[in-house]
């Protein structure tokens, strides 16, 4: 029979109340492909909170977002 005591120096954790209750599902995160977002361009501008940001694909095919 396995021991129920926690190893020395650690605390035994009891399950939280309602731990078996189903948690509400988180909304799905929207995903965009760079092909659809960039539409054959290497750079696009994104407006956010009154500022213009530039999303650029580098020569090494990495993404850079600058303000």
C-alpha atoms as a PDB file:
ATOM      1  CA  UNK A   1       0.000   0.000   0.000  1.00  0.00           C
ATOM      2  CA  UNK A   2       1.518   3.398  -0.990  1.00  0.00           C
ATOM      3  CA  UNK A   3       2.360   5.908   1.703  1.00  0.00           C
ATOM      4  CA  UNK A   4       0.189   9.043   1.958  1.00  0.00           C
ATOM      5  CA  UNK A   5       2.842  11.113   3.734  1.00  0.00           C
ATOM      6  CA  UNK A   6       4.660  13.823   1.830  1.00  0.00           C
ATOM      7  CA  UNK A   7       8.451  13.539   1.543  1.00  0.00           C
ATOM      8  CA  UNK A   8      10.431  15.592   4.078  1.00  0.00           C
ATOM      9  CA  UNK A   9      10.702  19.266   3.120  1.00  0.00           C
ATOM     10  CA  UNK A  10       7.559  19.214   0.982  1.00  0.00           C
ATOM     11  CA  UNK A  11       3.955  19.957   1.795  1.00  0.00           C
ATOM     12  CA  UNK A  12       1.147  17.531   1.076  1.00  0.00           C
ATOM     13  CA  UNK A  13      -1.480  19.220  -1.076  1.00  0.00           C
ATOM     14  CA  UNK A  14      -5.139  18.438  -0.604  1.00  0.00           C
ATOM     15  CA  UNK A  15      -7.416  18.602  -3.644  1.00  0.00           C
ATOM     16  CA  UNK A  16      -9.164  21.959  -3.990  1.00  0.00           C
ATOM     17  CA  UNK A  17     -12.844  22.104  -3.200  1.00  0.00           C
ATOM     18  CA  UNK A  18     -14.771  21.145  -6.308  1.00  0.00           C
ATOM     19  CA  UNK A  19     -11.647  19.846  -8.037  1.00  0.00           C
ATOM     20  CA  UNK A  20     -13.743  17.249  -9.832  1.00  0.00           C
ATOM     21  CA  UNK A  21     -16.199  19.859 -11.131  1.00  0.00           C
ATOM     22  CA  UNK A  22     -15.900  20.700 -14.821  1.00  0.00           C
ATOM     23  CA  UNK A  23     -14.180  24.041 -15.420  1.00  0.00           C
ATOM     24  CA  UNK A  24     -15.790  26.380 -17.977  1.00  0.00           C
ATOM     25  CA  UNK A  25     -14.176  26.087 -21.391  1.00  0.00           C
ATOM     26  CA  UNK A  26     -11.868  28.944 -22.341  1.00  0.00           C
ATOM     27  CA  UNK A  27     -12.752  30.664 -25.623  1.00  0.00           C
ATOM     28  CA  UNK A  28     -10.665  29.502 -28.562  1.00  0.00           C
ATOM     29  CA  UNK A  29      -7.767  31.729 -29.547  1.00  0.00           C
ATOM     30  CA  UNK A  30      -8.066  33.006 -33.111  1.00  0.00           C
ATOM     31  CA  UNK A  31      -5.243  31.843 -35.366  1.00  0.00           C
ATOM     32  CA  UNK A  32      -4.123  33.518 -38.588  1.00  0.00           C
ATOM     33  CA  UNK A  33      -1.658  32.123 -41.086  1.00  0.00           C
ATOM     34  CA  UNK A  34       0.997  34.548 -42.243  1.00  0.00           C
ATOM     35  CA  UNK A  35      -0.006  33.718 -45.826  1.00  0.00           C
ATOM     36  CA  UNK A  36      -3.530  35.045 -45.278  1.00  0.00           C
ATOM     37  CA  UNK A  37      -2.424  37.928 -43.075  1.00  0.00           C
ATOM     38  CA  UNK A  38       0.448  39.159 -45.236  1.00  0.00           C
ATOM     39  CA  UNK A  39      -1.136  38.345 -48.656  1.00  0.00           C
ATOM     40  CA  UNK A  40       2.185  37.987 -50.522  1.00  0.00           C
ATOM     41  CA  UNK A  41       3.637  41.125 -48.896  1.00  0.00           C
ATOM     42  CA  UNK A  42       6.736  41.232 -46.686  1.00  0.00           C
ATOM     43  CA  UNK A  43       5.321  43.987 -44.439  1.00  0.00           C
ATOM     44  CA  UNK A  44       1.888  45.072 -43.185  1.00  0.00           C
ATOM     45  CA  UNK A  45       0.722  47.872 -40.916  1.00  0.00           C
ATOM     46  CA  UNK A  46      -1.502  47.164 -37.908  1.00  0.00           C
ATOM     47  CA  UNK A  47      -3.352  49.962 -36.119  1.00  0.00           C
ATOM     48  CA  UNK A  48      -3.821  49.484 -32.371  1.00  0.00           C
ATOM     49  CA  UNK A  49      -4.958  52.078 -29.819  1.00  0.00           C
ATOM     50  CA  UNK A  50      -4.210  54.924 -32.207  1.00  0.00           C
ATOM     51  CA  UNK A  51      -0.681  53.720 -33.014  1.00  0.00           C
ATOM     52  CA  UNK A  52       0.611  52.117 -36.187  1.00  0.00           C
ATOM     53  CA  UNK A  53       2.702  48.947 -35.838  1.00  0.00           C
ATOM     54  CA  UNK A  54       4.625  47.244 -38.629  1.00  0.00           C
ATOM     55  CA  UNK A  55       4.717  43.455 -38.897  1.00  0.00           C
ATOM     56  CA  UNK A  56       7.577  42.399 -41.133  1.00  0.00           C
ATOM     57  CA  UNK A  57       8.962  39.094 -42.420  1.00  0.00           C
ATOM     58  CA  UNK A  58      12.774  39.151 -42.322  1.00  0.00           C
ATOM     59  CA  UNK A  59      15.221  37.610 -44.784  1.00  0.00           C
ATOM     60  CA  UNK A  60      15.569  34.680 -42.330  1.00  0.00           C
ATOM     61  CA  UNK A  61      11.758  34.216 -42.441  1.00  0.00           C
ATOM     62  CA  UNK A  62      11.216  35.495 -38.875  1.00  0.00           C
ATOM     63  CA  UNK A  63       8.531  37.955 -37.790  1.00  0.00           C
ATOM     64  CA  UNK A  64       9.311  41.362 -36.292  1.00  0.00           C
ATOM     65  CA  UNK A  65       6.668  43.702 -34.850  1.00  0.00           C
ATOM     66  CA  UNK A  66       7.756  47.319 -34.339  1.00  0.00           C
ATOM     67  CA  UNK A  67       5.973  50.487 -33.244  1.00  0.00           C
END
